[in-house]
Structures are given as C-alpha cells and as structure tokens.
Amino acid sequence: MRITGLGHAGMFIETTGGSILCDPVIGPSFFGSWFPFPDNRALDWERFGAADFLYISHRHRDHFDPALLERYVPKDISVLLPAYPTDDLEADIRALGYENIVYTQPGEVLEYEGGLKIMVTPLRAPSDGPIGDSSLSVDDGTASILNQNDSHPLDLEKLLSFSKPDAYFTQVSGAIWWPMVYDLPQEAKQNFAQLKRDAQNKRAMYYIDKVDAEHVFPMAGPPMFLREDLFRYNGYGLENDSIFTDQRQFLAHMREQRPTQKGYEFVPGTQVDLHAGAMEITQTLYTPDEIDRIFDDKWAYLAEQRDARQAEVAAEVARRADILAPQEMLAALKQWWEPLLRRARTIRLGVGGNVRFRIGELDMVVDFPKAKVREYAGEECIYWYTIPADLVSTNIADHEIDWSNSIFLSMQFDVGRSGKFNEFLTTFLKCLSRDRIEYVENWYAEQSDQTEDADIDEWTVQRRCPHLRADLTKTGKIEDGVLTCALHDWKWDLESGQCLTTPGHPIRASRIVETAAAASA
C-alpha cells in the first residue's frame, strides 16, 4: 500500500484493489481565508484525479473543494458516500455531475478485487463537523490504515474491529474560530488560546493511545492565512493568541508524552510505502531542507506565500454577491430563519435569549425565545456578532445552510458574549434548513433518556456524556469533584450536576459513599 500526502487532510491511497482519492483541496476555502499548509499546487493533480474511488469525509470546504473536483476528477469515479442523516453532501456531489455513488453504511465492510476492504465510519451528532464527519479504514492484505482526519469517533472498539492499523492519520490542529475572533482582552485571548491548544493535544493523544498504531501521521491542518487581515493568526499567532499547531510542533509534544511512539511529518508529496509491517518514506515534492525551512522559518515562508498569492484572495472577493440593502437583507433573513426557529424548540430554549447581528448597515436581533427576527432596539443580548455585509449577502444568494462552513471558519467576523459558550446557538447557525433543524431537534430529544449509570472513582454518574454520548467510563476523569470528558474537554461540577463549559447539558451524579449510607439506613 502506498499513501501520498496531498496537503491538509488530502491523501492518495494506492492498494492492490484500486486507488482512493481522499479530501483533495487546493483552495482557498471559507471566503478565501484557508490555504493548505504547505503549498500543494505543484502536485500532479491529473494523476491523483484519475483514482478509482473518491472519498469526501465531510462537507467542510477544507475537505470538499468543488473547483478542484471539476477540474481534475472524472465524473464516472466511484464516490464513497458516508451515511449522514441529511443528504447535503450527496446533493453537493451530484450537483457537480457525479452519479456513481457508493452508499456506505456504518460498520459495513466493502470488499473489492485484489483483497481490498474499505469501511467508512460516520459520526452524526449536531456538533460533528457540518452535521456529519467520518473516518476511512482501508486494508488490502499488505497493510491497514485508519484515516481519521477531523472525526472524533466514540465507539473505538467497533472502529478498530475492522483491523489494527499499521499507520494512523489524524487531525491535531483544530478547525475553530475561538478565541481569535472574540471580543476579549489580549491577555485573556492568549490564555484561552493556550488552553485550546492544550485541549487539542490532549484529545489527539487520547486517540493515539487508544488506536495504538505503530506509525502516526498528524495531518488535517494547520491552515495558512494569507489575507492581510488574518495573517497574524497563523500558527500560534504573532502574539501567541491563536490555536493552530503544526505537524512538527505536535510531533515534539507526542515524543514528550509517548516517547516510544513512531511519528512522522506528512506534507504534500510525502510518500509512505507499507508492506507486511515494513515502512519506507520518500519526499516527492519538497526536499528535506525545504521542509525544515517551512517549519523552522515558518513566518518567512508564510510571508512569501502571502505576497505571491494575493491574486487568489482578490479573485475570491470578486466572486461575492452584491451587497443587499439593509431592509432587503432583514426581510430575507426573517423569511428564511423564522420558520426554522418555530420548529427549533429545544434550540430556542437552549439559547434562551437575544442574539444581535451587526451586518454592514443592518443592526438586527434574533429573539430566540419568541422565534422572531427584527431590527435591534436596545435589547439585552447574550451574543453579538459583527459580520461584513458581502459575506451575508453571498450566503443569502447561495442559500448557504451552514454558516460555520462559510462565515465562521473564515474568521472574517467579530463576536462577543455575556456568558459561556452556547452550543445551541452555533448549532442553529449551521442548521439553516428544515431537514437539519428537524434532525437536530429529534437528536436532542433522543439524548434525554440516559438511564444507565456507572461508577467512576467515588462517584456514580450517568454513563453517557451529556454532550455527545461518549462512554464516560473510557473518556471521563474526575479531579476535585469536576468531571472532564477527554474527547472535547467539557467539564461538569458533580455536586450540582451543572455543566461548566456551556449552558444546558446537566449531568446526573451522586457520591458513592452517600448512596451507600442511604441504603444502609
């Protein structure tokens, strides 16, 4: 088996039973904000595009690049489609002219000639990517790999029952806008950025420990920000207020935490040959000296990229829609969002307040309790966004149903809040269609019945995490009465049951000693 890095989360897998093109992206993505790091334009895209299978892990535009697919990937390719609860990804793929769809099912192993076995494992919770994320398992008899990319699977035992991977490819750099765009004092922003990087490293190490593959390849980030207004947020940021860990930085951390683990840099053109336990790595695009310069003199490399690629930034800006007049924009959003709000009872209660949007000359509020969109009139708000009017006008023109997959990951906006992170608000803004709202409302309803308990240290707690249903006997850790779930670093105060990370999501918990004393009485 041969795996070639294509940049970001992209890879080209050659097996005894055919080749698989995974998440190919040149970009830029998210309103011209994200470019693959390092530059991957010089790869032989014609060769990689002539694969036997195409796998798009999820709909985020740093994994799904329609322009690249149109240019390089033939329409008759077999597309491995994850089993998502809504058909948004399938609709996007069919809109490009791809009709040869292979409908995968969770836990189902697809077998092909040459001994090739493939399994796509989807995640379906509201906070999984754009409502859906997935991993790809491949085994051809000569080697086995797990391409986890951005996904955070809960049932690792089932995933790893496919086969024990020789090589493990996984995200270590986050795809998020916190805390960079938030209205925070600089010292607080630096502190939150460090906490976020630590949490990302902790989560990545959790999976590395559990998968326990011989060879680990960090990938799926970080991005390059080449817009002038975002350049300072590359890597850890010019002022240490950003969250994007690169491959070399993570490998150094991994060596500290797990000294015996074999880890490797995976950049565009990295060629990994696996056979019967043996591995060979060849760099086909960059020389070792060039790779050292990219990582060790990163800001100089990034500045060269920025100065050479402003035409791509300008071309993306030129493609944006004409800016709508304030009243026209308000009417469009009111007509679009109010019917969804009326259907989103759990989300409305979870948000529980007003959210202000300053969009160019428009100043509006979304009243979640009353399911109304109207002009702002001085109401107290729990969140407040400032977003360029051309971005919103473009999303209205495109009827973009996931603003996390467009505006938010672009980082071309500002936001403040009066309290903790509100997951329900973020969920609403990436569920701007009837199908998505109905799915998420049903999903939340299904989570309310959590009857199974488990003993962890000196506490009896509900076994499933209130956030995404992870098994807390495997992902939970209790210190000083605070439970932390390792998958997303969410925390609960066990005495009160209150979630310390975001409003809502209480946990059921009691001290074992108190339970025993009550029983004896």
Protein backbone atom coordinates (compact mmCIF):
# COMPACT_ATOMS: atom_id res chain seq x y z
CA MET A 1 0.00 0.00 0.00
CA ARG A 2 1.22 3.49 -0.85
CA ILE A 3 -0.18 6.67 0.71
CA THR A 4 0.78 10.07 -0.73
CA GLY A 5 0.08 13.29 1.15
CA LEU A 6 -1.88 15.87 -0.84
CA GLY A 7 -1.95 18.66 1.71
CA HIS A 8 -4.21 19.39 4.68
CA ALA A 9 -6.37 16.22 5.05
CA GLY A 10 -5.85 15.07 1.48
CA MET A 11 -4.24 11.77 0.60
CA PHE A 12 -3.99 9.38 -2.34
CA ILE A 13 -4.10 5.70 -1.35
CA GLU A 14 -2.84 3.06 -3.81
CA THR A 15 -3.83 -0.50 -2.94
CA THR A 16 -3.89 -3.95 -4.50
CA GLY A 17 -7.55 -3.36 -5.39
CA GLY A 18 -7.51 0.23 -6.67
CA SER A 19 -6.72 3.79 -5.65
CA ILE A 20 -8.66 6.15 -3.38
CA LEU A 21 -8.54 9.97 -3.58
CA CYS A 22 -9.35 11.43 -0.15
CA ASP A 23 -10.37 15.01 0.66
CA PRO A 24 -8.39 16.77 -2.12
CA VAL A 25 -8.26 20.55 -1.60
CA ILE A 26 -6.23 23.33 -3.20
CA GLY A 27 -8.49 26.17 -2.05
CA PRO A 28 -8.64 28.80 -0.86
CA SER A 29 -11.59 27.88 1.36
CA PHE A 30 -14.02 29.75 3.61
CA PHE A 31 -14.31 33.04 1.75
CA GLY A 32 -10.66 32.97 0.74
CA SER A 33 -9.27 32.51 4.26
CA TRP A 34 -7.78 28.98 4.36
CA PHE A 35 -4.95 27.74 2.15
CA PRO A 36 -3.36 24.29 2.62
CA PHE A 37 -0.06 24.41 4.53
CA PRO A 38 2.43 23.88 2.96
CA ASP A 39 1.59 24.92 -0.61
CA ASN A 40 0.31 21.89 -2.56
CA ARG A 41 -0.33 23.38 -6.01
CA ALA A 42 2.70 21.70 -7.65
CA LEU A 43 1.42 18.16 -7.08
CA ASP A 44 0.46 16.05 -10.09
CA TRP A 45 -3.28 16.58 -9.72
CA GLU A 46 -4.07 14.98 -13.07
CA ARG A 47 -2.61 11.68 -11.82
CA PHE A 48 -4.31 11.83 -8.44
CA GLY A 49 -7.62 12.81 -10.02
CA ALA A 50 -7.63 9.58 -12.08
CA ALA A 51 -8.32 7.48 -8.98
CA ASP A 52 -10.74 4.56 -8.79
CA PHE A 53 -12.59 5.94 -5.76
CA LEU A 54 -13.30 9.40 -4.36
CA TYR A 55 -13.83 9.81 -0.61
CA ILE A 56 -15.01 13.14 0.83
CA SER A 57 -15.05 12.78 4.60
CA HIS A 58 -17.48 15.65 5.21
CA ARG A 59 -18.81 18.87 3.76
CA HIS A 60 -16.38 21.39 5.26
CA ARG A 61 -14.71 23.27 2.43
CA ASP A 62 -11.19 22.46 3.65
CA HIS A 63 -12.10 18.85 2.76
CA PHE A 64 -14.50 19.37 -0.15
CA ASP A 65 -13.18 21.58 -2.97
CA PRO A 66 -15.72 21.72 -5.83
CA ALA A 67 -13.39 23.68 -8.14
CA LEU A 68 -10.64 21.04 -7.82
CA LEU A 69 -13.09 18.21 -8.44
CA GLU A 70 -14.48 19.94 -11.54
CA ARG A 71 -11.00 20.42 -12.96
CA TYR A 72 -9.25 17.15 -12.15
CA VAL A 73 -11.65 14.34 -11.17
CA PRO A 74 -13.64 12.49 -13.89
CA LYS A 75 -17.40 12.29 -13.44
CA ASP A 76 -17.51 8.48 -13.61
CA ILE A 77 -15.39 7.94 -10.49
CA SER A 78 -16.95 5.80 -7.72
CA VAL A 79 -17.82 8.10 -4.80
CA LEU A 80 -17.73 6.58 -1.29
CA LEU A 81 -20.57 8.42 0.47
CA PRO A 82 -20.73 8.42 4.28
CA ALA A 83 -24.15 7.58 5.74
CA TYR A 84 -25.19 11.00 7.01
CA PRO A 85 -28.62 11.91 8.45
CA THR A 86 -29.23 14.59 5.81
CA ASP A 87 -28.37 14.44 2.12
CA ASP A 88 -26.49 17.76 1.87
CA LEU A 89 -23.13 16.21 0.91
CA GLU A 90 -24.74 13.90 -1.63
CA ALA A 91 -26.64 16.84 -3.14
CA ASP A 92 -23.40 18.83 -3.43
CA ILE A 93 -21.62 15.92 -5.11
CA ARG A 94 -24.49 15.21 -7.52
CA ALA A 95 -24.70 18.91 -8.40
CA LEU A 96 -21.13 18.59 -9.73
CA GLY A 97 -22.22 15.73 -12.02
CA TYR A 98 -21.04 12.71 -10.00
CA GLU A 99 -23.66 9.96 -10.18
CA ASN A 100 -21.67 6.79 -9.43
CA ILE A 101 -22.44 6.85 -5.70
CA VAL A 102 -21.47 4.01 -3.36
CA TYR A 103 -23.78 4.24 -0.34
CA THR A 104 -21.69 3.07 2.60
CA GLN A 105 -23.25 2.01 5.90
CA PRO A 106 -21.85 2.34 9.45
CA GLY A 107 -19.72 -0.68 10.32
CA GLU A 108 -20.21 -2.25 6.89
CA VAL A 109 -17.06 -3.55 5.21
CA LEU A 110 -16.97 -3.17 1.43
CA GLU A 111 -14.86 -5.80 -0.35
CA TYR A 112 -13.29 -5.40 -3.80
CA GLU A 113 -10.98 -7.37 -6.06
CA GLY A 114 -7.36 -7.64 -5.04
CA GLY A 115 -8.22 -8.16 -1.38
CA LEU A 116 -9.23 -4.53 -0.85
CA LYS A 117 -11.51 -3.85 2.12
CA ILE A 118 -12.96 -0.42 2.90
CA MET A 119 -15.06 0.85 5.79
CA VAL A 120 -16.45 4.37 6.23
CA THR A 121 -17.47 5.23 9.81
CA PRO A 122 -19.79 8.26 10.01
CA LEU A 123 -20.48 10.48 13.00
CA ARG A 124 -23.93 12.04 13.11
CA ALA A 125 -24.21 14.36 16.12
CA PRO A 126 -25.04 18.09 15.71
CA SER A 127 -21.52 19.14 16.64
CA ASP A 128 -19.76 16.66 14.32
CA GLY A 129 -18.40 18.84 11.53
CA PRO A 130 -21.22 20.27 9.41
CA ILE A 131 -23.64 17.74 10.99
CA GLY A 132 -21.57 14.80 9.96
CA ASP A 133 -17.95 13.73 9.93
CA SER A 134 -16.33 10.41 9.11
CA SER A 135 -13.23 8.26 9.05
CA LEU A 136 -11.93 5.83 6.43
CA SER A 137 -10.46 2.40 7.17
CA VAL A 138 -8.52 0.62 4.40
CA ASP A 139 -6.95 -2.85 4.34
CA ASP A 140 -5.64 -4.61 1.22
CA GLY A 141 -3.85 -7.54 2.80
CA THR A 142 -0.45 -5.85 2.57
CA ALA A 143 -1.23 -3.12 5.13
CA SER A 144 -4.03 -1.47 7.08
CA ILE A 145 -4.54 2.25 7.72
CA LEU A 146 -7.02 4.46 9.55
CA ASN A 147 -7.64 7.91 8.07
CA GLN A 148 -9.48 9.60 10.93
CA ASN A 149 -8.94 13.18 9.67
CA ASP A 150 -11.21 15.56 11.69
CA SER A 151 -13.59 12.98 13.16
CA HIS A 152 -13.80 12.17 16.86
CA PRO A 153 -15.34 8.69 16.98
CA LEU A 154 -16.95 7.50 20.20
CA ASP A 155 -17.02 3.73 19.65
CA LEU A 156 -13.35 2.98 19.06
CA GLU A 157 -13.76 -0.73 19.75
CA LYS A 158 -16.15 -1.08 16.85
CA LEU A 159 -14.00 1.11 14.61
CA LEU A 160 -10.83 -0.86 15.39
CA SER A 161 -12.55 -4.21 14.91
CA PHE A 162 -12.02 -3.61 11.17
CA SER A 163 -8.30 -4.37 11.65
CA LYS A 164 -5.46 -2.97 13.69
CA PRO A 165 -3.97 -0.13 11.61
CA ASP A 166 -0.28 -0.10 10.78
CA ALA A 167 -0.48 3.64 10.13
CA TYR A 168 -2.81 6.21 11.71
CA PHE A 169 -3.57 9.59 10.11
CA THR A 170 -5.34 12.08 12.36
CA GLN A 171 -6.15 15.74 12.96
CA VAL A 172 -4.07 17.52 15.57
CA SER A 173 -4.75 21.16 14.65
CA GLY A 174 -8.22 22.50 15.37
CA ALA A 175 -10.71 23.93 12.89
CA ILE A 176 -12.34 26.62 15.01
CA TRP A 177 -12.56 30.40 15.38
CA TRP A 178 -12.24 30.51 19.18
CA PRO A 179 -10.76 32.63 20.69
CA MET A 180 -9.28 34.57 17.77
CA VAL A 181 -12.38 36.48 16.68
CA TYR A 182 -13.77 37.12 20.17
CA ASP A 183 -14.03 40.49 21.91
CA LEU A 184 -11.61 39.69 24.72
CA PRO A 185 -8.66 41.41 26.42
CA GLN A 186 -5.44 40.33 24.75
CA GLU A 187 -4.14 38.57 27.87
CA ALA A 188 -7.37 36.56 28.13
CA LYS A 189 -7.23 35.69 24.44
CA GLN A 190 -3.66 34.41 24.85
CA ASN A 191 -4.68 32.33 27.88
CA PHE A 192 -7.70 30.82 26.10
CA ALA A 193 -5.60 30.05 23.03
CA GLN A 194 -3.11 28.13 25.15
CA LEU A 195 -5.94 26.21 26.83
CA LYS A 196 -7.42 25.36 23.44
CA ARG A 197 -4.08 24.11 22.09
CA ASP A 198 -3.61 22.03 25.22
CA ALA A 199 -7.08 20.53 24.86
CA GLN A 200 -6.44 19.68 21.20
CA ASN A 201 -3.15 17.99 22.08
CA LYS A 202 -4.83 16.09 24.89
CA ARG A 203 -7.61 14.84 22.61
CA ALA A 204 -5.17 13.81 19.88
CA MET A 205 -3.05 11.90 22.40
CA TYR A 206 -6.17 10.17 23.74
CA TYR A 207 -6.85 8.75 20.29
CA ILE A 208 -3.22 7.91 19.61
CA ASP A 209 -3.08 5.95 22.87
CA LYS A 210 -6.32 4.10 22.12
CA VAL A 211 -5.58 3.31 18.46
CA ASP A 212 -2.02 2.29 19.36
CA ALA A 213 -0.83 2.12 15.76
CA GLU A 214 2.89 1.64 15.16
CA HIS A 215 3.11 4.69 12.88
CA VAL A 216 1.34 8.06 13.45
CA PHE A 217 0.96 10.87 10.91
CA PRO A 218 -0.50 14.19 12.15
CA MET A 219 -2.42 16.00 9.40
CA ALA A 220 -5.67 17.90 8.64
CA GLY A 221 -4.14 21.28 9.33
CA PRO A 222 -2.95 23.78 10.13
CA PRO A 223 -4.23 26.24 7.53
CA MET A 224 -2.31 29.13 6.03
CA PHE A 225 -3.99 32.52 6.43
CA LEU A 226 -2.81 34.69 3.55
CA ARG A 227 -5.35 37.51 3.76
CA GLU A 228 -3.66 40.60 5.20
CA ASP A 229 -6.25 40.94 7.96
CA LEU A 230 -5.81 37.33 9.10
CA PHE A 231 -2.09 36.76 8.55
CA ARG A 232 -1.30 37.38 12.23
CA TYR A 233 -3.35 34.29 13.23
CA ASN A 234 -1.12 31.74 11.52
CA GLY A 235 0.21 29.02 13.82
CA TYR A 236 0.23 30.16 17.43
CA GLY A 237 -0.25 33.74 16.23
CA LEU A 238 2.15 36.65 16.07
CA GLU A 239 1.04 37.48 19.63
CA ASN A 240 0.54 33.91 20.88
CA ASP A 241 -3.24 34.24 20.59
CA SER A 242 -4.04 31.55 18.01
CA ILE A 243 -4.58 27.78 18.16
CA PHE A 244 -3.12 26.16 15.04
CA THR A 245 -0.47 23.58 15.93
CA ASP A 246 1.65 22.37 13.02
CA GLN A 247 2.87 18.83 12.37
CA ARG A 248 6.37 19.39 13.75
CA GLN A 249 5.10 21.06 16.92
CA PHE A 250 2.69 18.23 17.63
CA LEU A 251 5.29 15.54 16.99
CA ALA A 252 7.54 17.21 19.58
CA HIS A 253 4.65 17.12 22.05
CA MET A 254 3.92 13.48 21.24
CA ARG A 255 7.54 12.50 21.87
CA GLU A 256 7.30 14.04 25.34
CA GLN A 257 4.04 12.25 26.16
CA ARG A 258 4.70 8.92 24.42
CA PRO A 259 8.46 8.59 23.80
CA THR A 260 8.29 5.20 22.08
CA GLN A 261 5.64 6.24 19.56
CA LYS A 262 6.85 6.50 15.96
CA GLY A 263 5.59 9.70 14.34
CA TYR A 264 6.30 11.37 11.01
CA GLU A 265 5.74 14.64 9.19
CA PHE A 266 3.10 14.30 6.49
CA VAL A 267 3.22 17.14 3.95
CA PRO A 268 2.26 17.47 0.28
CA GLY A 269 4.24 14.86 -1.62
CA THR A 270 5.11 12.66 1.37
CA GLN A 271 5.01 9.09 0.05
CA VAL A 272 4.50 6.29 2.58
CA ASP A 273 5.04 2.70 1.41
CA LEU A 274 3.71 -0.02 3.69
CA HIS A 275 4.10 -3.76 3.23
CA ALA A 276 3.93 -6.58 5.76
CA GLY A 277 4.95 -4.35 8.67
CA ALA A 278 7.79 -2.60 6.84
CA MET A 279 7.58 1.11 6.01
CA GLU A 280 9.53 3.48 3.77
CA ILE A 281 9.01 7.26 3.48
CA THR A 282 10.01 9.34 0.46
CA GLN A 283 9.53 13.06 -0.10
CA THR A 284 8.48 13.63 -3.72
CA LEU A 285 7.62 17.37 -3.73
CA TYR A 286 9.87 19.05 -1.16
CA THR A 287 13.47 18.30 -0.21
CA PRO A 288 14.30 17.73 3.46
CA ASP A 289 15.99 21.15 3.57
CA GLU A 290 12.88 22.80 2.13
CA ILE A 291 10.69 21.06 4.71
CA ASP A 292 12.99 22.22 7.51
CA ARG A 293 12.71 25.80 6.27
CA ILE A 294 8.90 25.60 6.03
CA PHE A 295 8.63 24.61 9.69
CA ASP A 296 11.68 26.24 11.25
CA ASP A 297 11.47 29.57 9.40
CA LYS A 298 7.70 29.47 9.16
CA TRP A 299 6.90 33.19 9.22
CA ALA A 300 9.28 33.89 6.34
CA TYR A 301 7.71 31.06 4.34
CA LEU A 302 4.21 32.31 5.12
CA ALA A 303 5.14 35.86 4.12
CA GLU A 304 6.40 34.60 0.76
CA GLN A 305 3.17 32.71 0.23
CA ARG A 306 1.10 35.76 1.20
CA ASP A 307 2.96 38.08 -1.15
CA ALA A 308 2.74 35.65 -4.08
CA ARG A 309 -0.95 34.68 -3.78
CA GLN A 310 -2.94 37.89 -3.34
CA ALA A 311 -4.49 37.38 -6.78
CA GLU A 312 -6.27 34.29 -5.40
CA VAL A 313 -7.57 36.32 -2.45
CA ALA A 314 -8.80 39.08 -4.78
CA ALA A 315 -10.46 36.59 -7.13
CA GLU A 316 -12.49 35.14 -4.25
CA VAL A 317 -13.62 38.60 -3.14
CA ALA A 318 -14.68 39.40 -6.72
CA ARG A 319 -16.96 36.34 -6.75
CA ARG A 320 -19.03 37.51 -3.78
CA ALA A 321 -22.62 38.64 -4.26
CA ASP A 322 -23.68 42.27 -4.45
CA ILE A 323 -24.45 43.72 -1.03
CA LEU A 324 -28.15 43.77 -0.20
CA ALA A 325 -29.79 46.91 1.16
CA PRO A 326 -30.38 46.68 4.95
CA GLN A 327 -34.17 46.27 4.77
CA GLU A 328 -33.88 43.77 1.93
CA MET A 329 -31.37 41.75 3.94
CA LEU A 330 -33.56 41.85 7.06
CA ALA A 331 -36.59 40.69 5.08
CA ALA A 332 -34.63 37.83 3.51
CA LEU A 333 -33.28 36.58 6.85
CA LYS A 334 -36.67 36.97 8.53
CA GLN A 335 -38.37 34.93 5.79
CA TRP A 336 -35.63 32.27 5.95
CA TRP A 337 -34.99 31.95 9.69
CA GLU A 338 -38.33 32.48 11.45
CA PRO A 339 -39.95 29.26 10.14
CA LEU A 340 -36.85 27.36 11.28
CA LEU A 341 -36.92 29.00 14.71
CA ARG A 342 -40.53 27.97 15.19
CA ARG A 343 -39.51 24.34 14.58
CA ALA A 344 -36.43 24.56 16.84
CA ARG A 345 -37.96 24.41 20.30
CA THR A 346 -35.01 22.73 22.03
CA ILE A 347 -32.54 25.07 20.35
CA ARG A 348 -34.62 28.15 21.26
CA LEU A 349 -34.76 27.10 24.91
CA GLY A 350 -31.06 26.26 24.86
CA VAL A 351 -30.08 29.68 23.51
CA GLY A 352 -32.58 31.33 25.85
CA GLY A 353 -32.02 34.96 24.86
CA ASN A 354 -31.46 37.57 22.18
CA VAL A 355 -28.56 37.49 19.74
CA ARG A 356 -27.50 40.67 17.95
CA PHE A 357 -26.13 40.79 14.40
CA ARG A 358 -24.49 43.93 13.05
CA ILE A 359 -24.20 43.31 9.31
CA GLY A 360 -22.92 46.35 7.45
CA GLU A 361 -25.63 49.00 7.93
CA LEU A 362 -28.14 46.47 9.28
CA ASP A 363 -28.47 46.11 13.05
CA MET A 364 -30.81 43.21 13.86
CA VAL A 365 -31.64 40.88 16.71
CA VAL A 366 -32.74 37.25 16.69
CA ASP A 367 -35.14 36.73 19.59
CA PHE A 368 -34.79 33.01 20.19
CA PRO A 369 -37.45 32.66 22.92
CA LYS A 370 -40.06 34.33 20.68
CA ALA A 371 -38.74 32.93 17.36
CA LYS A 372 -38.53 36.41 15.82
CA VAL A 373 -36.05 38.29 13.63
CA ARG A 374 -36.32 42.09 13.83
CA GLU A 375 -34.35 45.31 13.96
CA TYR A 376 -32.28 45.82 17.09
CA ALA A 377 -33.98 48.14 19.59
CA GLY A 378 -31.56 48.17 22.50
CA GLU A 379 -32.47 44.75 23.92
CA GLU A 380 -30.03 42.99 26.23
CA CYS A 381 -28.21 40.29 24.22
CA ILE A 382 -26.22 37.22 25.20
CA TYR A 383 -24.14 37.22 21.98
CA TRP A 384 -23.33 39.95 19.48
CA TYR A 385 -21.83 39.42 16.02
CA THR A 386 -20.29 41.90 13.59
CA ILE A 387 -20.18 40.41 10.08
CA PRO A 388 -19.28 42.01 6.72
CA ALA A 389 -22.39 42.57 4.62
CA ASP A 390 -20.92 40.96 1.49
CA LEU A 391 -20.45 37.64 3.32
CA VAL A 392 -24.05 37.56 4.49
CA SER A 393 -25.32 38.72 1.10
CA THR A 394 -23.40 35.86 -0.54
CA ASN A 395 -24.79 33.32 1.93
CA ILE A 396 -28.31 34.58 1.23
CA ALA A 397 -27.72 34.37 -2.54
CA ASP A 398 -26.31 30.83 -2.22
CA HIS A 399 -28.82 29.84 0.47
CA GLU A 400 -25.85 28.55 2.48
CA ILE A 401 -27.39 26.41 5.22
CA ASP A 402 -24.23 26.13 7.34
CA TRP A 403 -22.66 29.40 8.44
CA SER A 404 -19.91 27.57 10.33
CA ASN A 405 -18.85 26.16 6.93
CA SER A 406 -18.63 29.63 5.43
CA ILE A 407 -18.52 32.75 7.61
CA PHE A 408 -17.34 31.37 10.95
CA LEU A 409 -14.41 29.30 9.73
CA SER A 410 -13.45 32.24 7.51
CA MET A 411 -12.68 34.17 10.73
CA GLN A 412 -13.76 37.32 8.87
CA PHE A 413 -16.07 38.49 11.65
CA ASP A 414 -16.07 39.55 15.29
CA VAL A 415 -18.15 38.24 18.18
CA GLY A 416 -18.68 38.82 21.87
CA ARG A 417 -20.79 37.10 24.52
CA SER A 418 -22.01 37.80 28.02
CA GLY A 419 -21.52 34.29 29.39
CA LYS A 420 -20.27 30.86 28.45
CA PHE A 421 -20.11 29.27 25.02
CA ASN A 422 -23.62 28.37 23.82
CA GLU A 423 -23.58 25.22 21.73
CA PHE A 424 -27.26 25.61 20.80
CA LEU A 425 -26.60 28.93 19.06
CA THR A 426 -23.74 27.52 16.99
CA THR A 427 -25.90 24.52 16.14
CA PHE A 428 -28.73 26.71 14.88
CA LEU A 429 -26.39 28.71 12.64
CA LYS A 430 -25.23 25.54 10.90
CA CYS A 431 -28.74 24.06 10.63
CA LEU A 432 -30.41 26.62 8.39
CA SER A 433 -32.64 24.15 6.59
CA ARG A 434 -35.82 22.33 7.59
CA ASP A 435 -34.18 18.90 7.27
CA ARG A 436 -31.29 19.86 9.52
CA ILE A 437 -33.46 21.53 12.16
CA GLU A 438 -35.79 18.54 12.35
CA TYR A 439 -32.90 16.10 12.58
CA VAL A 440 -31.18 18.04 15.35
CA GLU A 441 -34.38 18.53 17.35
CA ASN A 442 -35.01 14.78 17.18
CA TRP A 443 -31.39 14.07 18.10
CA TYR A 444 -31.60 16.24 21.21
CA ALA A 445 -34.86 14.55 22.20
CA GLU A 446 -33.26 11.12 21.95
CA GLN A 447 -30.43 12.16 24.29
CA SER A 448 -32.78 12.97 27.16
CA ASP A 449 -33.24 9.31 28.18
CA GLN A 450 -29.93 8.44 29.80
CA THR A 451 -30.79 5.70 32.26
CA GLU A 452 -27.53 3.75 32.57
CA ASP A 453 -25.15 4.77 35.34
CA ALA A 454 -21.53 3.87 36.02
CA ASP A 455 -19.12 4.21 38.95
CA ILE A 456 -16.07 6.42 38.34
CA ASP A 457 -13.75 6.93 41.28
CA GLU A 458 -16.00 7.93 44.21
CA TRP A 459 -18.98 8.95 42.07
CA THR A 460 -21.92 7.33 40.35
CA VAL A 461 -22.58 9.24 37.13
CA GLN A 462 -24.66 8.69 34.04
CA ARG A 463 -22.54 6.56 31.77
CA ARG A 464 -23.04 8.59 28.58
CA CYS A 465 -21.64 12.11 28.25
CA PRO A 466 -24.46 14.69 28.00
CA HIS A 467 -22.55 16.38 25.18
CA LEU A 468 -22.08 13.68 22.54
CA ARG A 469 -22.82 10.40 24.33
CA ALA A 470 -19.22 9.26 24.80
CA ASP A 471 -18.76 6.42 27.29
CA LEU A 472 -17.51 8.25 30.37
CA THR A 473 -16.01 5.06 31.83
CA LYS A 474 -13.48 5.39 28.99
CA THR A 475 -13.26 9.14 28.41
CA GLY A 476 -14.07 10.57 31.85
CA LYS A 477 -11.67 11.71 34.55
CA ILE A 478 -12.64 13.20 37.94
CA GLU A 479 -10.49 15.64 39.90
CA ASP A 480 -11.73 17.67 42.90
CA GLY A 481 -15.35 16.92 42.09
CA VAL A 482 -15.07 18.03 38.47
CA LEU A 483 -15.63 15.50 35.69
CA THR A 484 -13.79 16.10 32.40
CA CYS A 485 -14.63 14.23 29.20
CA ALA A 486 -11.40 13.75 27.25
CA LEU A 487 -12.97 13.91 23.80
CA HIS A 488 -13.82 17.62 23.84
CA ASP A 489 -12.58 18.72 27.28
CA TRP A 490 -16.09 19.52 28.52
CA LYS A 491 -16.40 19.74 32.33
CA TRP A 492 -19.14 19.21 34.94
CA ASP A 493 -19.39 20.08 38.63
CA LEU A 494 -20.63 16.78 40.04
CA GLU A 495 -22.12 18.20 43.27
CA SER A 496 -24.57 20.39 41.34
CA GLY A 497 -24.61 18.47 38.04
CA GLN A 498 -24.01 21.76 36.24
CA CYS A 499 -22.03 21.85 33.00
CA LEU A 500 -19.09 24.24 33.43
CA THR A 501 -18.44 24.54 29.69
CA THR A 502 -21.77 25.70 28.25
CA PRO A 503 -25.36 26.35 29.38
CA GLY A 504 -27.58 23.29 29.50
CA HIS A 505 -26.29 19.68 29.32
CA PRO A 506 -26.56 18.88 33.07
CA ILE A 507 -25.21 15.57 34.31
CA ARG A 508 -26.72 13.11 36.78
CA ALA A 509 -24.25 12.28 39.56
CA SER A 510 -24.08 11.27 43.21
CA ARG A 511 -21.32 10.33 45.62
CA ILE A 512 -20.98 6.58 46.10
CA VAL A 513 -20.41 6.97 49.84
CA GLU A 514 -23.65 8.94 50.20
CA THR A 515 -25.56 6.33 48.21
CA ALA A 516 -24.17 3.52 50.37
CA ALA A 517 -25.02 5.37 53.60
CA ALA A 518 -28.59 5.96 52.46
CA ALA A 519 -29.03 2.28 51.54
CA SER A 520 -27.84 1.05 54.95
CA ALA A 521 -30.18 3.46 56.73
